[in-house]
Amino acid sequence: MVDATAVREKLSKQLRIDLEENETVHLSVENISSYDKDWRRPGYLEEIIENISAGQPCTVQIRQLGFYVAKLTLSGGYVVPLVVQIVKR
């Protein structure tokens, strides 16, 4: 199972990106590789992150392999889309 806490830990360990407490990670529910083969087109990730609610703590738990979109909300009002690949359980 992968959740927002696991993604935050991976960002910290592998990419050395330490997010502050007020900076949040939210995950999409949909596996983008399963229903759309053209998810790399410009503007597609922005459309997905607009539908991810950042008002509440993330409760999404991913249990299936594939590609998912994470929405990183940073201080200063910046929002960054990040594609997360789940490769093993």
PDB file of N, CA and C in Angstrom:
ATOM      1  N   MET A   1       0.845  -1.175   0.000  1.00  0.00           N
ATOM      2  CA  MET A   1       0.000   0.000   0.000  1.00  0.00           C
ATOM      3  C   MET A   1       0.892   1.240   0.000  1.00  0.00           C
ATOM      4  N   VAL A   2       0.543   2.192  -0.840  1.00  0.00           N
ATOM      5  CA  VAL A   2       1.268   3.458  -0.930  1.00  0.00           C
ATOM      6  C   VAL A   2       0.292   4.583  -0.598  1.00  0.00           C
ATOM      7  N   ASP A   3       0.724   5.481   0.271  1.00  0.00           N
ATOM      8  CA  ASP A   3      -0.095   6.644   0.606  1.00  0.00           C
ATOM      9  C   ASP A   3       0.773   7.897   0.532  1.00  0.00           C
ATOM     10  N   ALA A   4       0.202   9.028   0.890  1.00  0.00           N
ATOM     11  CA  ALA A   4       0.910  10.301   0.784  1.00  0.00           C
ATOM     12  C   ALA A   4       2.150  10.337   1.676  1.00  0.00           C
ATOM     13  N   THR A   5       2.087   9.677   2.824  1.00  0.00           N
ATOM     14  CA  THR A   5       3.241   9.633   3.727  1.00  0.00           C
ATOM     15  C   THR A   5       4.393   8.867   3.088  1.00  0.00           C
ATOM     16  N   ALA A   6       4.099   7.771   2.413  1.00  0.00           N
ATOM     17  CA  ALA A   6       5.140   6.990   1.741  1.00  0.00           C
ATOM     18  C   ALA A   6       5.785   7.790   0.612  1.00  0.00           C
ATOM     19  N   VAL A   7       4.991   8.554  -0.134  1.00  0.00           N
ATOM     20  CA  VAL A   7       5.542   9.386  -1.211  1.00  0.00           C
ATOM     21  C   VAL A   7       6.428  10.483  -0.620  1.00  0.00           C
ATOM     22  N   ARG A   8       5.997  11.083   0.467  1.00  0.00           N
ATOM     23  CA  ARG A   8       6.787  12.118   1.140  1.00  0.00           C
ATOM     24  C   ARG A   8       8.131  11.551   1.611  1.00  0.00           C
ATOM     25  N   GLU A   9       8.125  10.340   2.162  1.00  0.00           N
ATOM     26  CA  GLU A   9       9.358   9.699   2.622  1.00  0.00           C
ATOM     27  C   GLU A   9      10.292   9.383   1.460  1.00  0.00           C
ATOM     28  N   LYS A  10       9.730   8.910   0.337  1.00  0.00           N
ATOM     29  CA  LYS A  10      10.546   8.626  -0.847  1.00  0.00           C
ATOM     30  C   LYS A  10      11.183   9.900  -1.396  1.00  0.00           C
ATOM     31  N   LEU A  11      10.412  10.992  -1.417  1.00  0.00           N
ATOM     32  CA  LEU A  11      10.970  12.273  -1.865  1.00  0.00           C
ATOM     33  C   LEU A  11      12.152  12.674  -0.990  1.00  0.00           C
ATOM     34  N   SER A  12      12.018  12.466   0.294  1.00  0.00           N
ATOM     35  CA  SER A  12      13.065  12.837   1.231  1.00  0.00           C
ATOM     36  C   SER A  12      14.299  11.952   1.078  1.00  0.00           C
ATOM     37  N   LYS A  13      14.113  10.644   0.990  1.00  0.00           N
ATOM     38  CA  LYS A  13      15.243   9.712   0.935  1.00  0.00           C
ATOM     39  C   LYS A  13      15.956   9.712  -0.410  1.00  0.00           C
ATOM     40  N   GLN A  14      15.192   9.577  -1.494  1.00  0.00           N
ATOM     41  CA  GLN A  14      15.815   9.382  -2.796  1.00  0.00           C
ATOM     42  C   GLN A  14      16.163  10.679  -3.514  1.00  0.00           C
ATOM     43  N   LEU A  15      15.321  11.682  -3.391  1.00  0.00           N
ATOM     44  CA  LEU A  15      15.565  12.928  -4.120  1.00  0.00           C
ATOM     45  C   LEU A  15      16.076  14.053  -3.223  1.00  0.00           C
ATOM     46  N   ARG A  16      16.144  13.785  -1.913  1.00  0.00           N
ATOM     47  CA  ARG A  16      16.603  14.778  -0.931  1.00  0.00           C
ATOM     48  C   ARG A  16      15.739  16.039  -0.946  1.00  0.00           C
ATOM     49  N   ILE A  17      14.438  15.836  -1.121  1.00  0.00           N
ATOM     50  CA  ILE A  17      13.476  16.932  -1.075  1.00  0.00           C
ATOM     51  C   ILE A  17      12.712  16.804   0.236  1.00  0.00           C
ATOM     52  N   ASP A  18      13.020  17.668   1.173  1.00  0.00           N
ATOM     53  CA  ASP A  18      12.358  17.648   2.475  1.00  0.00           C
ATOM     54  C   ASP A  18      11.276  18.712   2.494  1.00  0.00           C
ATOM     55  N   LEU A  19      10.034  18.264   2.537  1.00  0.00           N
ATOM     56  CA  LEU A  19       8.905  19.185   2.551  1.00  0.00           C
ATOM     57  C   LEU A  19       8.644  19.679   3.964  1.00  0.00           C
ATOM     58  N   GLU A  20       8.223  20.920   4.088  1.00  0.00           N
ATOM     59  CA  GLU A  20       7.852  21.494   5.373  1.00  0.00           C
ATOM     60  C   GLU A  20       6.505  20.933   5.807  1.00  0.00           C
ATOM     61  N   GLU A  21       6.128  21.155   7.048  1.00  0.00           N
ATOM     62  CA  GLU A  21       4.847  20.656   7.564  1.00  0.00           C
ATOM     63  C   GLU A  21       3.652  21.240   6.820  1.00  0.00           C
ATOM     64  N   ASN A  22       3.761  22.502   6.389  1.00  0.00           N
ATOM     65  CA  ASN A  22       2.636  23.144   5.691  1.00  0.00           C
ATOM     66  C   ASN A  22       2.606  22.810   4.201  1.00  0.00           C
ATOM     67  N   GLU A  23       3.596  22.101   3.701  1.00  0.00           N
ATOM     68  CA  GLU A  23       3.633  21.675   2.307  1.00  0.00           C
ATOM     69  C   GLU A  23       3.059  20.259   2.232  1.00  0.00           C
ATOM     70  N   THR A  24       2.076  20.060   1.363  1.00  0.00           N
ATOM     71  CA  THR A  24       1.320  18.813   1.373  1.00  0.00           C
ATOM     72  C   THR A  24       1.535  17.984   0.115  1.00  0.00           C
ATOM     73  N   VAL A  25       1.243  16.698   0.249  1.00  0.00           N
ATOM     74  CA  VAL A  25       1.261  15.743  -0.864  1.00  0.00           C
ATOM     75  C   VAL A  25      -0.115  15.109  -0.926  1.00  0.00           C
ATOM     76  N   HIS A  26      -0.737  15.153  -2.108  1.00  0.00           N
ATOM     77  CA  HIS A  26      -2.030  14.503  -2.329  1.00  0.00           C
ATOM     78  C   HIS A  26      -1.914  13.618  -3.557  1.00  0.00           C
ATOM     79  N   LEU A  27      -2.542  12.451  -3.511  1.00  0.00           N
ATOM     80  CA  LEU A  27      -2.469  11.480  -4.604  1.00  0.00           C
ATOM     81  C   LEU A  27      -3.791  11.389  -5.347  1.00  0.00           C
ATOM     82  N   SER A  28      -3.683  11.110  -6.641  1.00  0.00           N
ATOM     83  CA  SER A  28      -4.890  10.855  -7.432  1.00  0.00           C
ATOM     84  C   SER A  28      -5.349   9.422  -7.173  1.00  0.00           C
ATOM     85  N   VAL A  29      -6.623   9.204  -7.337  1.00  0.00           N
ATOM     86  CA  VAL A  29      -7.194   7.873  -7.138  1.00  0.00           C
ATOM     87  C   VAL A  29      -6.989   7.019  -8.383  1.00  0.00           C
ATOM     88  N   GLU A  30      -7.017   7.656  -9.551  1.00  0.00           N
ATOM     89  CA  GLU A  30      -6.966   6.931 -10.814  1.00  0.00           C
ATOM     90  C   GLU A  30      -5.543   6.565 -11.208  1.00  0.00           C
ATOM     91  N   ASN A  31      -5.408   5.378 -11.776  1.00  0.00           N
ATOM     92  CA  ASN A  31      -4.163   4.920 -12.370  1.00  0.00           C
ATOM     93  C   ASN A  31      -4.130   5.481 -13.786  1.00  0.00           C
ATOM     94  N   ILE A  32      -3.272   6.451 -14.050  1.00  0.00           N
ATOM     95  CA  ILE A  32      -3.315   7.131 -15.350  1.00  0.00           C
ATOM     96  C   ILE A  32      -2.846   6.253 -16.495  1.00  0.00           C
ATOM     97  N   SER A  33      -2.071   5.216 -16.219  1.00  0.00           N
ATOM     98  CA  SER A  33      -1.611   4.349 -17.301  1.00  0.00           C
ATOM     99  C   SER A  33      -2.672   3.351 -17.730  1.00  0.00           C
ATOM    100  N   SER A  34      -3.687   3.143 -16.894  1.00  0.00           N
ATOM    101  CA  SER A  34      -4.665   2.118 -17.227  1.00  0.00           C
ATOM    102  C   SER A  34      -5.765   2.598 -18.168  1.00  0.00           C
ATOM    103  N   TYR A  35      -6.075   3.894 -18.160  1.00  0.00           N
ATOM    104  CA  TYR A  35      -7.194   4.330 -18.993  1.00  0.00           C
ATOM    105  C   TYR A  35      -6.821   5.364 -20.053  1.00  0.00           C
ATOM    106  N   ASP A  36      -5.603   5.839 -20.053  1.00  0.00           N
ATOM    107  CA  ASP A  36      -5.231   6.840 -21.055  1.00  0.00           C
ATOM    108  C   ASP A  36      -3.772   6.651 -21.438  1.00  0.00           C
ATOM    109  N   LYS A  37      -3.539   6.246 -22.667  1.00  0.00           N
ATOM    110  CA  LYS A  37      -2.168   6.043 -23.136  1.00  0.00           C
ATOM    111  C   LYS A  37      -1.491   7.358 -23.522  1.00  0.00           C
ATOM    112  N   ASP A  38      -2.239   8.441 -23.583  1.00  0.00           N
ATOM    113  CA  ASP A  38      -1.693   9.725 -24.021  1.00  0.00           C
ATOM    114  C   ASP A  38      -1.532  10.695 -22.835  1.00  0.00           C
ATOM    115  N   TRP A  39      -1.178  10.166 -21.646  1.00  0.00           N
ATOM    116  CA  TRP A  39      -1.104  11.015 -20.464  1.00  0.00           C
ATOM    117  C   TRP A  39       0.117  11.925 -20.459  1.00  0.00           C
ATOM    118  N   ARG A  40       1.032  11.752 -21.409  1.00  0.00           N
ATOM    119  CA  ARG A  40       2.232  12.603 -21.452  1.00  0.00           C
ATOM    120  C   ARG A  40       2.016  13.890 -22.250  1.00  0.00           C
ATOM    121  N   ARG A  41       0.849  14.078 -22.804  1.00  0.00           N
ATOM    122  CA  ARG A  41       0.614  15.283 -23.609  1.00  0.00           C
ATOM    123  C   ARG A  41       0.611  16.526 -22.719  1.00  0.00           C
ATOM    124  N   PRO A  42       1.036  17.669 -23.250  1.00  0.00           N
ATOM    125  CA  PRO A  42       1.097  18.908 -22.462  1.00  0.00           C
ATOM    126  C   PRO A  42      -0.281  19.299 -21.915  1.00  0.00           C
ATOM    127  N   GLY A  43      -0.307  19.690 -20.660  1.00  0.00           N
ATOM    128  CA  GLY A  43      -1.537  20.145 -20.029  1.00  0.00           C
ATOM    129  C   GLY A  43      -2.354  19.064 -19.364  1.00  0.00           C
ATOM    130  N   TYR A  44      -2.049  17.794 -19.639  1.00  0.00           N
ATOM    131  CA  TYR A  44      -2.848  16.696 -19.089  1.00  0.00           C
ATOM    132  C   TYR A  44      -2.686  16.593 -17.568  1.00  0.00           C
ATOM    133  N   LEU A  45      -1.454  16.691 -17.082  1.00  0.00           N
ATOM    134  CA  LEU A  45      -1.229  16.602 -15.633  1.00  0.00           C
ATOM    135  C   LEU A  45      -1.887  17.756 -14.892  1.00  0.00           C
ATOM    136  N   GLU A  46      -1.884  18.931 -15.501  1.00  0.00           N
ATOM    137  CA  GLU A  46      -2.526  20.085 -14.876  1.00  0.00           C
ATOM    138  C   GLU A  46      -4.030  19.870 -14.730  1.00  0.00           C
ATOM    139  N   GLU A  47      -4.638  19.218 -15.723  1.00  0.00           N
ATOM    140  CA  GLU A  47      -6.067  18.904 -15.640  1.00  0.00           C
ATOM    141  C   GLU A  47      -6.354  17.950 -14.487  1.00  0.00           C
ATOM    142  N   ILE A  48      -5.483  16.975 -14.290  1.00  0.00           N
ATOM    143  CA  ILE A  48      -5.691  15.998 -13.223  1.00  0.00           C
ATOM    144  C   ILE A  48      -5.508  16.643 -11.852  1.00  0.00           C
ATOM    145  N   ILE A  49      -4.472  17.470 -11.678  1.00  0.00           N
ATOM    146  CA  ILE A  49      -4.240  18.027 -10.348  1.00  0.00           C
ATOM    147  C   ILE A  49      -5.290  19.054  -9.957  1.00  0.00           C
ATOM    148  N   GLU A  50      -5.971  19.641 -10.933  1.00  0.00           N
ATOM    149  CA  GLU A  50      -7.074  20.543 -10.598  1.00  0.00           C
ATOM    150  C   GLU A  50      -8.208  19.776  -9.915  1.00  0.00           C
ATOM    151  N   ASN A  51      -8.358  18.487 -10.222  1.00  0.00           N
ATOM    152  CA  ASN A  51      -9.426  17.671  -9.645  1.00  0.00           C
ATOM    153  C   ASN A  51      -9.044  17.046  -8.304  1.00  0.00           C
ATOM    154  N   ILE A  52      -7.775  17.167  -7.893  1.00  0.00           N
ATOM    155  CA  ILE A  52      -7.337  16.622  -6.616  1.00  0.00           C
ATOM    156  C   ILE A  52      -7.546  17.679  -5.543  1.00  0.00           C
ATOM    157  N   SER A  53      -8.340  17.361  -4.552  1.00  0.00           N
ATOM    158  CA  SER A  53      -8.644  18.299  -3.473  1.00  0.00           C
ATOM    159  C   SER A  53      -7.488  18.336  -2.483  1.00  0.00           C
ATOM    160  N   ALA A  54      -7.001  19.541  -2.206  1.00  0.00           N
ATOM    161  CA  ALA A  54      -5.889  19.703  -1.256  1.00  0.00           C
ATOM    162  C   ALA A  54      -6.359  20.300   0.059  1.00  0.00           C
ATOM    163  N   GLY A  55      -7.670  20.428   0.261  1.00  0.00           N
ATOM    164  CA  GLY A  55      -8.191  21.045   1.472  1.00  0.00           C
ATOM    165  C   GLY A  55      -8.118  20.151   2.692  1.00  0.00           C
ATOM    166  N   GLN A  56      -8.228  18.858   2.510  1.00  0.00           N
ATOM    167  CA  GLN A  56      -8.205  17.887   3.606  1.00  0.00           C
ATOM    168  C   GLN A  56      -6.912  17.069   3.526  1.00  0.00           C
ATOM    169  N   PRO A  57      -6.511  16.442   4.617  1.00  0.00           N
ATOM    170  CA  PRO A  57      -5.366  15.517   4.532  1.00  0.00           C
ATOM    171  C   PRO A  57      -5.679  14.376   3.563  1.00  0.00           C
ATOM    172  N   CYS A  58      -4.671  13.927   2.846  1.00  0.00           N
ATOM    173  CA  CYS A  58      -4.860  12.881   1.836  1.00  0.00           C
ATOM    174  C   CYS A  58      -5.126  11.537   2.498  1.00  0.00           C
ATOM    175  N   THR A  59      -6.205  10.885   2.092  1.00  0.00           N
ATOM    176  CA  THR A  59      -6.563   9.574   2.626  1.00  0.00           C
ATOM    177  C   THR A  59      -6.492   8.480   1.564  1.00  0.00           C
ATOM    178  N   VAL A  60      -5.978   8.805   0.390  1.00  0.00           N
ATOM    179  CA  VAL A  60      -5.890   7.840  -0.705  1.00  0.00           C
ATOM    180  C   VAL A  60      -4.825   6.800  -0.378  1.00  0.00           C
ATOM    181  N   GLN A  61      -5.176   5.533  -0.575  1.00  0.00           N
ATOM    182  CA  GLN A  61      -4.241   4.431  -0.403  1.00  0.00           C
ATOM    183  C   GLN A  61      -4.210   3.638  -1.706  1.00  0.00           C
ATOM    184  N   ILE A  62      -3.042   3.610  -2.340  1.00  0.00           N
ATOM    185  CA  ILE A  62      -2.887   2.944  -3.632  1.00  0.00           C
ATOM    186  C   ILE A  62      -2.476   1.501  -3.395  1.00  0.00           C
ATOM    187  N   ARG A  63      -3.228   0.583  -4.002  1.00  0.00           N
ATOM    188  CA  ARG A  63      -2.962  -0.843  -3.832  1.00  0.00           C
ATOM    189  C   ARG A  63      -2.709  -1.550  -5.171  1.00  0.00           C
ATOM    190  N   GLN A  64      -2.589  -0.783  -6.243  1.00  0.00           N
ATOM    191  CA  GLN A  64      -2.418  -1.371  -7.571  1.00  0.00           C
ATOM    192  C   GLN A  64      -1.173  -0.771  -8.209  1.00  0.00           C
ATOM    193  N   LEU A  65      -0.446  -1.573  -8.962  1.00  0.00           N
ATOM    194  CA  LEU A  65       0.749  -1.099  -9.661  1.00  0.00           C
ATOM    195  C   LEU A  65       0.351  -0.175 -10.793  1.00  0.00           C
ATOM    196  N   GLY A  66       1.228   0.777 -11.134  1.00  0.00           N
ATOM    197  CA  GLY A  66       0.970   1.670 -12.253  1.00  0.00           C
ATOM    198  C   GLY A  66       1.473   3.069 -11.985  1.00  0.00           C
ATOM    199  N   PHE A  67       1.001   4.007 -12.790  1.00  0.00           N
ATOM    200  CA  PHE A  67       1.388   5.405 -12.696  1.00  0.00           C
ATOM    201  C   PHE A  67       0.251   6.217 -12.076  1.00  0.00           C
ATOM    202  N   TYR A  68       0.589   7.086 -11.136  1.00  0.00           N
ATOM    203  CA  TYR A  68      -0.386   7.933 -10.462  1.00  0.00           C
ATOM    204  C   TYR A  68       0.163   9.355 -10.412  1.00  0.00           C
ATOM    205  N   VAL A  69      -0.722  10.312 -10.235  1.00  0.00           N
ATOM    206  CA  VAL A  69      -0.306  11.705 -10.147  1.00  0.00           C
ATOM    207  C   VAL A  69      -0.353  12.138  -8.690  1.00  0.00           C
ATOM    208  N   ALA A  70       0.725  12.775  -8.257  1.00  0.00           N
ATOM    209  CA  ALA A  70       0.777  13.371  -6.926  1.00  0.00           C
ATOM    210  C   ALA A  70       0.766  14.890  -7.094  1.00  0.00           C
ATOM    211  N   LYS A  71       0.033  15.547  -6.220  1.00  0.00           N
ATOM    212  CA  LYS A  71      -0.050  17.003  -6.226  1.00  0.00           C
ATOM    213  C   LYS A  71       0.734  17.514  -5.025  1.00  0.00           C
ATOM    214  N   LEU A  72       1.844  18.202  -5.295  1.00  0.00           N
ATOM    215  CA  LEU A  72       2.646  18.792  -4.231  1.00  0.00           C
ATOM    216  C   LEU A  72       2.242  20.257  -4.107  1.00  0.00           C
ATOM    217  N   THR A  73       1.754  20.639  -2.934  1.00  0.00           N
ATOM    218  CA  THR A  73       1.386  22.026  -2.667  1.00  0.00           C
ATOM    219  C   THR A  73       2.486  22.618  -1.809  1.00  0.00           C
ATOM    220  N   LEU A  74       3.194  23.610  -2.353  1.00  0.00           N
ATOM    221  CA  LEU A  74       4.347  24.194  -1.684  1.00  0.00           C
ATOM    222  C   LEU A  74       4.014  25.565  -1.120  1.00  0.00           C
ATOM    223  N   SER A  75       4.872  26.039  -0.228  1.00  0.00           N
ATOM    224  CA  SER A  75       4.662  27.374   0.317  1.00  0.00           C
ATOM    225  C   SER A  75       4.816  28.402  -0.795  1.00  0.00           C
ATOM    226  N   GLY A  76       4.109  29.490  -0.667  1.00  0.00           N
ATOM    227  CA  GLY A  76       4.112  30.504  -1.713  1.00  0.00           C
ATOM    228  C   GLY A  76       3.013  30.286  -2.726  1.00  0.00           C
ATOM    229  N   GLY A  77       2.179  29.262  -2.515  1.00  0.00           N
ATOM    230  CA  GLY A  77       1.075  29.008  -3.422  1.00  0.00           C
ATOM    231  C   GLY A  77       1.431  28.207  -4.654  1.00  0.00           C
ATOM    232  N   TYR A  78       2.610  27.613  -4.680  1.00  0.00           N
ATOM    233  CA  TYR A  78       3.022  26.822  -5.835  1.00  0.00           C
ATOM    234  C   TYR A  78       2.421  25.421  -5.762  1.00  0.00           C
ATOM    235  N   VAL A  79       2.002  24.909  -6.919  1.00  0.00           N
ATOM    236  CA  VAL A  79       1.478  23.549  -7.036  1.00  0.00           C
ATOM    237  C   VAL A  79       2.297  22.841  -8.111  1.00  0.00           C
ATOM    238  N   VAL A  80       2.828  21.663  -7.748  1.00  0.00           N
ATOM    239  CA  VAL A  80       3.702  20.919  -8.651  1.00  0.00           C
ATOM    240  C   VAL A  80       3.101  19.539  -8.909  1.00  0.00           C
ATOM    241  N   PRO A  81       2.879  19.175 -10.181  1.00  0.00           N
ATOM    242  CA  PRO A  81       2.437  17.808 -10.475  1.00  0.00           C
ATOM    243  C   PRO A  81       3.648  16.881 -10.502  1.00  0.00           C
ATOM    244  N   LEU A  82       3.443  15.670 -10.012  1.00  0.00           N
ATOM    245  CA  LEU A  82       4.528  14.686  -9.982  1.00  0.00           C
ATOM    246  C   LEU A  82       3.916  13.338 -10.351  1.00  0.00           C
ATOM    247  N   VAL A  83       4.516  12.656 -11.322  1.00  0.00           N
ATOM    248  CA  VAL A  83       4.056  11.321 -11.705  1.00  0.00           C
ATOM    249  C   VAL A  83       4.813  10.317 -10.852  1.00  0.00           C
ATOM    250  N   VAL A  84       4.065   9.463 -10.149  1.00  0.00           N
ATOM    251  CA  VAL A  84       4.627   8.455  -9.260  1.00  0.00           C
ATOM    252  C   VAL A  84       4.354   7.093  -9.871  1.00  0.00           C
ATOM    253  N   GLN A  85       5.400   6.282 -10.007  1.00  0.00           N
ATOM    254  CA  GLN A  85       5.235   4.932 -10.526  1.00  0.00           C
ATOM    255  C   GLN A  85       5.341   3.940  -9.385  1.00  0.00           C
ATOM    256  N   ILE A  86       4.332   3.112  -9.232  1.00  0.00           N
ATOM    257  CA  ILE A  86       4.342   2.043  -8.244  1.00  0.00           C
ATOM    258  C   ILE A  86       4.782   0.781  -8.973  1.00  0.00           C
ATOM    259  N   VAL A  87       5.948   0.229  -8.622  1.00  0.00           N
ATOM    260  CA  VAL A  87       6.508  -0.885  -9.380  1.00  0.00           C
ATOM    261  C   VAL A  87       6.496  -2.209  -8.652  1.00  0.00           C
ATOM    262  N   LYS A  88       6.465  -2.219  -7.321  1.00  0.00           N
ATOM    263  CA  LYS A  88       6.397  -3.489  -6.601  1.00  0.00           C
ATOM    264  C   LYS A  88       5.660  -3.283  -5.291  1.00  0.00           C
ATOM    265  N   ARG A  89       5.170  -4.376  -4.742  1.00  0.00           N
ATOM    266  CA  ARG A  89       4.416  -4.294  -3.488  1.00  0.00           C
ATOM    267  C   ARG A  89       5.301  -4.538  -2.305  1.00  0.00           C
TER     268      ARG A  89
END
